[in-house]
C-alpha atoms as a PDB file:
ATOM      1  CA  UNK A   1     143.378  28.581  71.246  1.00  0.00           C
ATOM      2  CA  UNK A   2     145.481  31.567  72.264  1.00  0.00           C
ATOM      3  CA  UNK A   3     149.202  31.981  71.774  1.00  0.00           C
ATOM      4  CA  UNK A   4     149.995  31.038  75.395  1.00  0.00           C
ATOM      5  CA  UNK A   5     148.063  27.768  75.118  1.00  0.00           C
ATOM      6  CA  UNK A   6     149.940  26.855  71.968  1.00  0.00           C
ATOM      7  CA  UNK A   7     153.284  27.753  73.524  1.00  0.00           C
ATOM      8  CA  UNK A   8     152.607  25.502  76.493  1.00  0.00           C
ATOM      9  CA  UNK A   9     152.289  22.508  74.172  1.00  0.00           C
ATOM     10  CA  UNK A  10     154.829  19.833  74.890  1.00  0.00           C
ATOM     11  CA  UNK A  11     155.748  19.444  71.227  1.00  0.00           C
ATOM     12  CA  UNK A  12     157.013  22.990  70.642  1.00  0.00           C
ATOM     13  CA  UNK A  13     160.615  22.170  71.659  1.00  0.00           C
ATOM     14  CA  UNK A  14     160.620  19.291  69.164  1.00  0.00           C
ATOM     15  CA  UNK A  15     159.564  21.650  66.373  1.00  0.00           C
ATOM     16  CA  UNK A  16     162.277  24.143  67.382  1.00  0.00           C
ATOM     17  CA  UNK A  17     164.945  21.452  67.473  1.00  0.00           C
ATOM     18  CA  UNK A  18     163.881  20.159  64.061  1.00  0.00           C
ATOM     19  CA  UNK A  19     163.897  23.662  62.588  1.00  0.00           C
ATOM     20  CA  UNK A  20     167.423  24.300  63.844  1.00  0.00           C
ATOM     21  CA  UNK A  21     168.731  20.935  62.659  1.00  0.00           C
ATOM     22  CA  UNK A  22     167.189  21.384  59.217  1.00  0.00           C
ATOM     23  CA  UNK A  23     168.410  24.931  58.604  1.00  0.00           C
ATOM     24  CA  UNK A  24     171.641  25.545  60.512  1.00  0.00           C
ATOM     25  CA  UNK A  25     173.948  24.531  57.660  1.00  0.00           C
ATOM     26  CA  UNK A  26     173.143  27.533  55.414  1.00  0.00           C
ATOM     27  CA  UNK A  27     173.377  31.041  56.892  1.00  0.00           C
ATOM     28  CA  UNK A  28     171.419  32.960  54.264  1.00  0.00           C
ATOM     29  CA  UNK A  29     169.821  30.105  52.368  1.00  0.00           C
ATOM     30  CA  UNK A  30     170.091  29.161  48.732  1.00  0.00           C
ATOM     31  CA  UNK A  31     167.952  27.671  46.002  1.00  0.00           C
ATOM     32  CA  UNK A  32     168.190  24.327  47.806  1.00  0.00           C
ATOM     33  CA  UNK A  33     168.316  25.367  51.479  1.00  0.00           C
ATOM     34  CA  UNK A  34     166.210  27.458  53.814  1.00  0.00           C
ATOM     35  CA  UNK A  35     168.009  30.294  55.622  1.00  0.00           C
ATOM     36  CA  UNK A  36     169.439  29.489  59.036  1.00  0.00           C
ATOM     37  CA  UNK A  37     166.632  29.685  61.590  1.00  0.00           C
ATOM     38  CA  UNK A  38     168.862  29.569  64.680  1.00  0.00           C
ATOM     39  CA  UNK A  39     168.191  33.151  65.786  1.00  0.00           C
ATOM     40  CA  UNK A  40     164.458  32.687  65.319  1.00  0.00           C
ATOM     41  CA  UNK A  41     164.587  29.361  67.161  1.00  0.00           C
ATOM     42  CA  UNK A  42     166.162  31.054  70.181  1.00  0.00           C
ATOM     43  CA  UNK A  43     163.506  33.774  70.032  1.00  0.00           C
ATOM     44  CA  UNK A  44     160.712  31.170  69.905  1.00  0.00           C
ATOM     45  CA  UNK A  45     162.364  29.264  72.757  1.00  0.00           C
ATOM     46  CA  UNK A  46     162.185  32.467  74.798  1.00  0.00           C
ATOM     47  CA  UNK A  47     158.446  32.605  74.105  1.00  0.00           C
ATOM     48  CA  UNK A  48     158.258  29.102  75.564  1.00  0.00           C
ATOM     49  CA  UNK A  49     159.927  30.500  78.714  1.00  0.00           C
ATOM     50  CA  UNK A  50     162.010  27.490  79.680  1.00  0.00           C
ATOM     51  CA  UNK A  51     165.628  28.404  80.470  1.00  0.00           C
ATOM     52  CA  UNK A  52     166.670  24.761  80.247  1.00  0.00           C
ATOM     53  CA  UNK A  53     165.693  24.915  76.574  1.00  0.00           C
ATOM     54  CA  UNK A  54     168.136  27.813  76.086  1.00  0.00           C
ATOM     55  CA  UNK A  55     170.994  25.694  77.422  1.00  0.00           C
ATOM     56  CA  UNK A  56     169.942  22.677  75.387  1.00  0.00           C
ATOM     57  CA  UNK A  57     169.728  24.724  72.169  1.00  0.00           C
ATOM     58  CA  UNK A  58     173.158  26.287  72.791  1.00  0.00           C
ATOM     59  CA  UNK A  59     174.643  22.804  73.092  1.00  0.00           C
ATOM     60  CA  UNK A  60     172.720  21.604  70.042  1.00  0.00           C
ATOM     61  CA  UNK A  61     173.995  24.536  67.947  1.00  0.00           C
ATOM     62  CA  UNK A  62     177.581  23.658  68.885  1.00  0.00           C
ATOM     63  CA  UNK A  63     177.016  19.973  68.059  1.00  0.00           C
ATOM     64  CA  UNK A  64     175.493  20.827  64.683  1.00  0.00           C
ATOM     65  CA  UNK A  65     178.453  23.098  63.911  1.00  0.00           C
ATOM     66  CA  UNK A  66     180.916  20.355  64.865  1.00  0.00           C
ATOM     67  CA  UNK A  67     179.086  17.855  62.658  1.00  0.00           C
ATOM     68  CA  UNK A  68     179.027  20.325  59.767  1.00  0.00           C
ATOM     69  CA  UNK A  69     182.771  20.923  60.049  1.00  0.00           C
ATOM     70  CA  UNK A  70     183.472  17.206  60.187  1.00  0.00           C
ATOM     71  CA  UNK A  71     181.435  16.858  56.994  1.00  0.00           C
ATOM     72  CA  UNK A  72     183.377  19.466  55.038  1.00  0.00           C
ATOM     73  CA  UNK A  73     181.915  22.842  56.017  1.00  0.00           C
ATOM     74  CA  UNK A  74     184.576  25.514  56.493  1.00  0.00           C
ATOM     75  CA  UNK A  75     185.736  26.103  60.063  1.00  0.00           C
ATOM     76  CA  UNK A  76     186.499  29.769  59.293  1.00  0.00           C
ATOM     77  CA  UNK A  77     184.028  31.047  61.892  1.00  0.00           C
ATOM     78  CA  UNK A  78     185.328  28.808  64.674  1.00  0.00           C
ATOM     79  CA  UNK A  79     187.645  31.009  66.694  1.00  0.00           C
ATOM     80  CA  UNK A  80     187.894  32.394  70.231  1.00  0.00           C
ATOM     81  CA  UNK A  81     184.937  34.608  69.201  1.00  0.00           C
ATOM     82  CA  UNK A  82     182.700  31.519  68.894  1.00  0.00           C
ATOM     83  CA  UNK A  83     181.899  31.759  72.613  1.00  0.00           C
ATOM     84  CA  UNK A  84     180.139  35.062  71.860  1.00  0.00           C
ATOM     85  CA  UNK A  85     177.354  33.095  70.208  1.00  0.00           C
ATOM     86  CA  UNK A  86     176.132  32.528  73.767  1.00  0.00           C
ATOM     87  CA  UNK A  87     175.220  36.212  74.316  1.00  0.00           C
ATOM     88  CA  UNK A  88     174.141  36.483  70.659  1.00  0.00           C
ATOM     89  CA  UNK A  89     171.553  33.737  71.056  1.00  0.00           C
ATOM     90  CA  UNK A  90     170.692  34.803  74.598  1.00  0.00           C
ATOM     91  CA  UNK A  91     169.635  38.230  73.313  1.00  0.00           C
ATOM     92  CA  UNK A  92     167.120  36.497  71.056  1.00  0.00           C
ATOM     93  CA  UNK A  93     165.942  34.195  73.858  1.00  0.00           C
ATOM     94  CA  UNK A  94     165.366  37.082  76.275  1.00  0.00           C
ATOM     95  CA  UNK A  95     163.572  39.085  73.581  1.00  0.00           C
ATOM     96  CA  UNK A  96     161.279  36.081  73.221  1.00  0.00           C
ATOM     97  CA  UNK A  97     160.723  36.051  76.970  1.00  0.00           C
ATOM     98  CA  UNK A  98     159.814  39.735  76.814  1.00  0.00           C
ATOM     99  CA  UNK A  99     157.323  39.057  74.015  1.00  0.00           C
ATOM    100  CA  UNK A 100     155.763  36.144  75.914  1.00  0.00           C
ATOM    101  CA  UNK A 101     154.057  38.636  78.204  1.00  0.00           C
ATOM    102  CA  UNK A 102     151.748  39.710  75.372  1.00  0.00           C
ATOM    103  CA  UNK A 103     148.520  37.762  75.646  1.00  0.00           C
ATOM    104  CA  UNK A 104     146.900  38.740  72.361  1.00  0.00           C
ATOM    105  CA  UNK A 105     147.712  38.899  68.695  1.00  0.00           C
ATOM    106  CA  UNK A 106     146.343  42.399  68.185  1.00  0.00           C
ATOM    107  CA  UNK A 107     147.954  44.695  65.660  1.00  0.00           C
ATOM    108  CA  UNK A 108     149.591  46.810  68.378  1.00  0.00           C
ATOM    109  CA  UNK A 109     150.868  43.715  70.183  1.00  0.00           C
ATOM    110  CA  UNK A 110     152.242  42.205  66.971  1.00  0.00           C
ATOM    111  CA  UNK A 111     153.966  45.444  65.996  1.00  0.00           C
ATOM    112  CA  UNK A 112     155.694  45.618  69.386  1.00  0.00           C
ATOM    113  CA  UNK A 113     156.742  41.976  69.154  1.00  0.00           C
ATOM    114  CA  UNK A 114     158.076  42.277  65.603  1.00  0.00           C
ATOM    115  CA  UNK A 115     159.922  45.438  66.640  1.00  0.00           C
ATOM    116  CA  UNK A 116     161.485  43.430  69.484  1.00  0.00           C
ATOM    117  CA  UNK A 117     162.553  40.799  66.929  1.00  0.00           C
ATOM    118  CA  UNK A 118     164.141  43.489  64.750  1.00  0.00           C
ATOM    119  CA  UNK A 119     165.964  45.177  67.639  1.00  0.00           C
ATOM    120  CA  UNK A 120     167.174  41.905  69.177  1.00  0.00           C
ATOM    121  CA  UNK A 121     168.340  40.566  65.798  1.00  0.00           C
ATOM    122  CA  UNK A 122     170.239  43.828  65.234  1.00  0.00           C
ATOM    123  CA  UNK A 123     171.900  43.538  68.650  1.00  0.00           C
ATOM    124  CA  UNK A 124     172.699  39.879  67.924  1.00  0.00           C
ATOM    125  CA  UNK A 125     174.268  40.918  64.613  1.00  0.00           C
ATOM    126  CA  UNK A 126     176.439  43.448  66.418  1.00  0.00           C
ATOM    127  CA  UNK A 127     177.553  40.996  69.102  1.00  0.00           C
ATOM    128  CA  UNK A 128     178.409  38.193  66.693  1.00  0.00           C
ATOM    129  CA  UNK A 129     180.153  40.328  64.079  1.00  0.00           C
ATOM    130  CA  UNK A 130     182.105  42.675  66.312  1.00  0.00           C
ATOM    131  CA  UNK A 131     183.228  39.890  68.642  1.00  0.00           C
ATOM    132  CA  UNK A 132     184.442  38.062  65.530  1.00  0.00           C
ATOM    133  CA  UNK A 133     186.382  41.172  64.518  1.00  0.00           C
ATOM    134  CA  UNK A 134     187.909  41.579  67.978  1.00  0.00           C
ATOM    135  CA  UNK A 135     188.732  37.953  68.859  1.00  0.00           C
ATOM    136  CA  UNK A 136     189.072  35.884  65.684  1.00  0.00           C
ATOM    137  CA  UNK A 137     192.598  37.108  65.029  1.00  0.00           C
ATOM    138  CA  UNK A 138     191.900  37.463  61.310  1.00  0.00           C
ATOM    139  CA  UNK A 139     191.543  41.200  60.883  1.00  0.00           C
ATOM    140  CA  UNK A 140     194.731  42.744  62.261  1.00  0.00           C
ATOM    141  CA  UNK A 141     195.172  44.869  59.137  1.00  0.00           C
ATOM    142  CA  UNK A 142     191.608  46.287  59.195  1.00  0.00           C
ATOM    143  CA  UNK A 143     190.359  49.128  61.304  1.00  0.00           C
ATOM    144  CA  UNK A 144     187.005  48.706  63.005  1.00  0.00           C
ATOM    145  CA  UNK A 145     185.392  51.100  60.518  1.00  0.00           C
ATOM    146  CA  UNK A 146     186.825  49.166  57.557  1.00  0.00           C
ATOM    147  CA  UNK A 147     185.522  45.919  59.036  1.00  0.00           C
ATOM    148  CA  UNK A 148     182.122  47.515  59.659  1.00  0.00           C
ATOM    149  CA  UNK A 149     182.010  48.566  56.021  1.00  0.00           C
ATOM    150  CA  UNK A 150     182.594  44.987  54.950  1.00  0.00           C
ATOM    151  CA  UNK A 151     180.040  43.317  57.231  1.00  0.00           C
ATOM    152  CA  UNK A 152     177.174  45.752  56.712  1.00  0.00           C
ATOM    153  CA  UNK A 153     176.351  43.892  53.491  1.00  0.00           C
ATOM    154  CA  UNK A 154     175.359  40.920  55.655  1.00  0.00           C
ATOM    155  CA  UNK A 155     173.053  42.877  57.967  1.00  0.00           C
ATOM    156  CA  UNK A 156     169.903  42.743  55.837  1.00  0.00           C
ATOM    157  CA  UNK A 157     170.064  38.990  55.091  1.00  0.00           C
ATOM    158  CA  UNK A 158     170.852  38.323  58.771  1.00  0.00           C
ATOM    159  CA  UNK A 159     167.907  40.321  60.103  1.00  0.00           C
ATOM    160  CA  UNK A 160     165.461  39.556  57.301  1.00  0.00           C
ATOM    161  CA  UNK A 161     165.701  35.790  57.784  1.00  0.00           C
ATOM    162  CA  UNK A 162     164.760  36.196  61.473  1.00  0.00           C
ATOM    163  CA  UNK A 163     161.903  38.520  60.542  1.00  0.00           C
ATOM    164  CA  UNK A 164     160.733  36.039  57.905  1.00  0.00           C
ATOM    165  CA  UNK A 165     160.552  33.175  60.404  1.00  0.00           C
ATOM    166  CA  UNK A 166     158.911  35.398  63.041  1.00  0.00           C
ATOM    167  CA  UNK A 167     156.385  36.665  60.511  1.00  0.00           C
ATOM    168  CA  UNK A 168     155.521  33.116  59.476  1.00  0.00           C
ATOM    169  CA  UNK A 169     155.191  32.094  63.122  1.00  0.00           C
ATOM    170  CA  UNK A 170     152.832  34.938  63.958  1.00  0.00           C
ATOM    171  CA  UNK A 171     150.844  34.382  60.748  1.00  0.00           C
ATOM    172  CA  UNK A 172     150.422  30.742  61.776  1.00  0.00           C
ATOM    173  CA  UNK A 173     149.275  31.827  65.240  1.00  0.00           C
ATOM    174  CA  UNK A 174     146.726  34.197  63.683  1.00  0.00           C
ATOM    175  CA  UNK A 175     145.493  31.408  61.418  1.00  0.00           C
ATOM    176  CA  UNK A 176     145.098  29.061  64.397  1.00  0.00           C
ATOM    177  CA  UNK A 177     143.209  31.797  66.237  1.00  0.00           C
ATOM    178  CA  UNK A 178     140.849  32.399  63.293  1.00  0.00           C
ATOM    179  CA  UNK A 179     140.208  28.675  62.790  1.00  0.00           C
ATOM    180  CA  UNK A 180     139.503  28.241  66.506  1.00  0.00           C
ATOM    181  CA  UNK A 181     137.085  31.164  66.426  1.00  0.00           C
ATOM    182  CA  UNK A 182     135.316  29.737  63.375  1.00  0.00           C
ATOM    183  CA  UNK A 183     134.977  26.314  65.007  1.00  0.00           C
ATOM    184  CA  UNK A 184     133.580  27.866  68.174  1.00  0.00           C
ATOM    185  CA  UNK A 185     130.992  29.877  66.246  1.00  0.00           C
ATOM    186  CA  UNK A 186     129.851  27.003  63.990  1.00  0.00           C
ATOM    187  CA  UNK A 187     126.460  25.512  64.636  1.00  0.00           C
ATOM    188  CA  UNK A 188     125.572  21.960  63.633  1.00  0.00           C
ATOM    189  CA  UNK A 189     123.415  21.692  60.485  1.00  0.00           C
END
């Protein structure tokens, strides 16, 4: 089974939806919660190459956020900047679409794909944080450089959680590939 065969499976969107629903409530994770997988989910959805899934996941993210707020989560991040989550998540989706063109799980292919995850997550970080600075109306007394100094502490957790999920995904794909190869090469006793 190659990566493209697995991605064409009809159950992949269900796994992505479940992953987002189960993790979206905690941005960086805690002892009791996994880190938010939303960015990784949009990347994986891009691998699946269905634009309708992008739209569905955008709506699902908004619904999960609304439910979280109604259940006591702070609404601090809900501002006019919230609409910039659309390009934030779209960057991840289109990076996934770019990576879908790779047909193998070779070391060079994986390094390019993980580099694409890192670059797209960094761009997503910039879009979400700087749009929040510009449009949330909460930082009138801070210069852009002061704000940047404050949010850089969140960069590593933001990017590392996406890299963690992507690394686990690709490790799973490699494991599936190895198991398939072993099954193919087995001879009956």
